[in-house]
Each structure stands twice: as C-alpha cells, then as structure tokens.
C-alpha cells in the first residue's frame, strides 16, 4: 500500500477523506495493515493469542 497525503481545510473534510480511504481498501489490504501494526507494537516473535493455551 502506498502512502498518500491530503491537506484538508476542515475536520469534516479530513474525516470524509479518511473514510473514503478506508472504503477503498480491500479486505487483504486491511489485514496487511493490521499485521504491520501488530509487528510494530509487539514485534515479530509475539505469540498469536488465538494459539495460546488459555484460549483453548
């Protein structure tokens, strides 16, 4: 996904642009963004909570 910049002249315009960007993404793009954010916050060695012993 490429980064885009937008210069909004109001909060409403900024919110509208943000929503349009979200609506334009495919499910795969959203999953990729979630993966990148998770790795930035928790690192690449963090266990997946769905695979932990407590969740079984």
C-alpha atoms as a PDB file:
ATOM      1  CA  UNK A   1       0.000   0.000   0.000  1.00  0.00           C
ATOM      2  CA  UNK A   2       1.318   3.399  -0.934  1.00  0.00           C
ATOM      3  CA  UNK A   3       1.193   6.295   1.484  1.00  0.00           C
ATOM      4  CA  UNK A   4      -0.890   9.272   0.489  1.00  0.00           C
ATOM      5  CA  UNK A   5      -1.054  12.749   1.928  1.00  0.00           C
ATOM      6  CA  UNK A   6      -4.075  15.006   1.978  1.00  0.00           C
ATOM      7  CA  UNK A   7      -4.334  18.641   3.018  1.00  0.00           C
ATOM      8  CA  UNK A   8      -7.805  19.159   4.457  1.00  0.00           C
ATOM      9  CA  UNK A   9      -9.295  22.561   5.115  1.00  0.00           C
ATOM     10  CA  UNK A  10     -11.697  21.357   7.816  1.00  0.00           C
ATOM     11  CA  UNK A  11     -12.203  18.469  10.219  1.00  0.00           C
ATOM     12  CA  UNK A  12     -15.203  17.322   8.185  1.00  0.00           C
ATOM     13  CA  UNK A  13     -13.138  17.220   5.003  1.00  0.00           C
ATOM     14  CA  UNK A  14     -10.381  15.273   6.761  1.00  0.00           C
ATOM     15  CA  UNK A  15     -12.889  12.764   8.147  1.00  0.00           C
ATOM     16  CA  UNK A  16     -14.521  12.328   4.721  1.00  0.00           C
ATOM     17  CA  UNK A  17     -11.121  11.692   3.104  1.00  0.00           C
ATOM     18  CA  UNK A  18     -10.194   9.197   5.826  1.00  0.00           C
ATOM     19  CA  UNK A  19     -13.445   7.269   5.363  1.00  0.00           C
ATOM     20  CA  UNK A  20     -13.010   7.212   1.589  1.00  0.00           C
ATOM     21  CA  UNK A  21      -9.536   5.741   2.033  1.00  0.00           C
ATOM     22  CA  UNK A  22     -10.864   3.009   4.332  1.00  0.00           C
ATOM     23  CA  UNK A  23     -13.760   2.150   1.996  1.00  0.00           C
ATOM     24  CA  UNK A  24     -11.381   1.894  -0.970  1.00  0.00           C
ATOM     25  CA  UNK A  25      -9.217  -0.779   0.713  1.00  0.00           C
ATOM     26  CA  UNK A  26      -9.703  -4.457   0.053  1.00  0.00           C
ATOM     27  CA  UNK A  27     -10.006  -6.901   2.967  1.00  0.00           C
ATOM     28  CA  UNK A  28      -6.495  -8.170   2.176  1.00  0.00           C
ATOM     29  CA  UNK A  29      -5.090  -4.640   2.397  1.00  0.00           C
ATOM     30  CA  UNK A  30      -6.751  -4.143   5.793  1.00  0.00           C
ATOM     31  CA  UNK A  31      -5.331  -7.447   7.067  1.00  0.00           C
ATOM     32  CA  UNK A  32      -1.861  -6.466   5.863  1.00  0.00           C
ATOM     33  CA  UNK A  33      -2.086  -3.129   7.668  1.00  0.00           C
ATOM     34  CA  UNK A  34      -3.195  -4.900  10.854  1.00  0.00           C
ATOM     35  CA  UNK A  35      -0.243  -7.321  10.558  1.00  0.00           C
ATOM     36  CA  UNK A  36       2.255  -4.473  10.097  1.00  0.00           C
ATOM     37  CA  UNK A  37       0.857  -2.547  13.083  1.00  0.00           C
ATOM     38  CA  UNK A  38       0.874  -5.681  15.273  1.00  0.00           C
ATOM     39  CA  UNK A  39       4.525  -6.339  14.380  1.00  0.00           C
ATOM     40  CA  UNK A  40       5.481  -2.721  15.109  1.00  0.00           C
ATOM     41  CA  UNK A  41       3.868  -2.817  18.539  1.00  0.00           C
ATOM     42  CA  UNK A  42       4.562  -6.392  19.694  1.00  0.00           C
ATOM     43  CA  UNK A  43       7.476  -7.453  17.485  1.00  0.00           C
ATOM     44  CA  UNK A  44       7.698 -10.440  15.171  1.00  0.00           C
ATOM     45  CA  UNK A  45       8.179 -13.024  17.940  1.00  0.00           C
ATOM     46  CA  UNK A  46       4.941 -12.293  19.810  1.00  0.00           C
ATOM     47  CA  UNK A  47       2.668 -15.326  20.180  1.00  0.00           C
ATOM     48  CA  UNK A  48      -0.706 -15.300  18.465  1.00  0.00           C
ATOM     49  CA  UNK A  49      -3.423 -15.071  21.125  1.00  0.00           C
ATOM     50  CA  UNK A  50      -5.574 -17.497  19.146  1.00  0.00           C
ATOM     51  CA  UNK A  51      -2.880 -20.156  19.646  1.00  0.00           C
ATOM     52  CA  UNK A  52      -2.281 -19.605  23.383  1.00  0.00           C
ATOM     53  CA  UNK A  53      -3.081 -22.300  25.935  1.00  0.00           C
ATOM     54  CA  UNK A  54      -5.555 -20.092  27.860  1.00  0.00           C
ATOM     55  CA  UNK A  55      -7.861 -19.615  24.864  1.00  0.00           C
ATOM     56  CA  UNK A  56      -8.453 -23.372  24.459  1.00  0.00           C
END
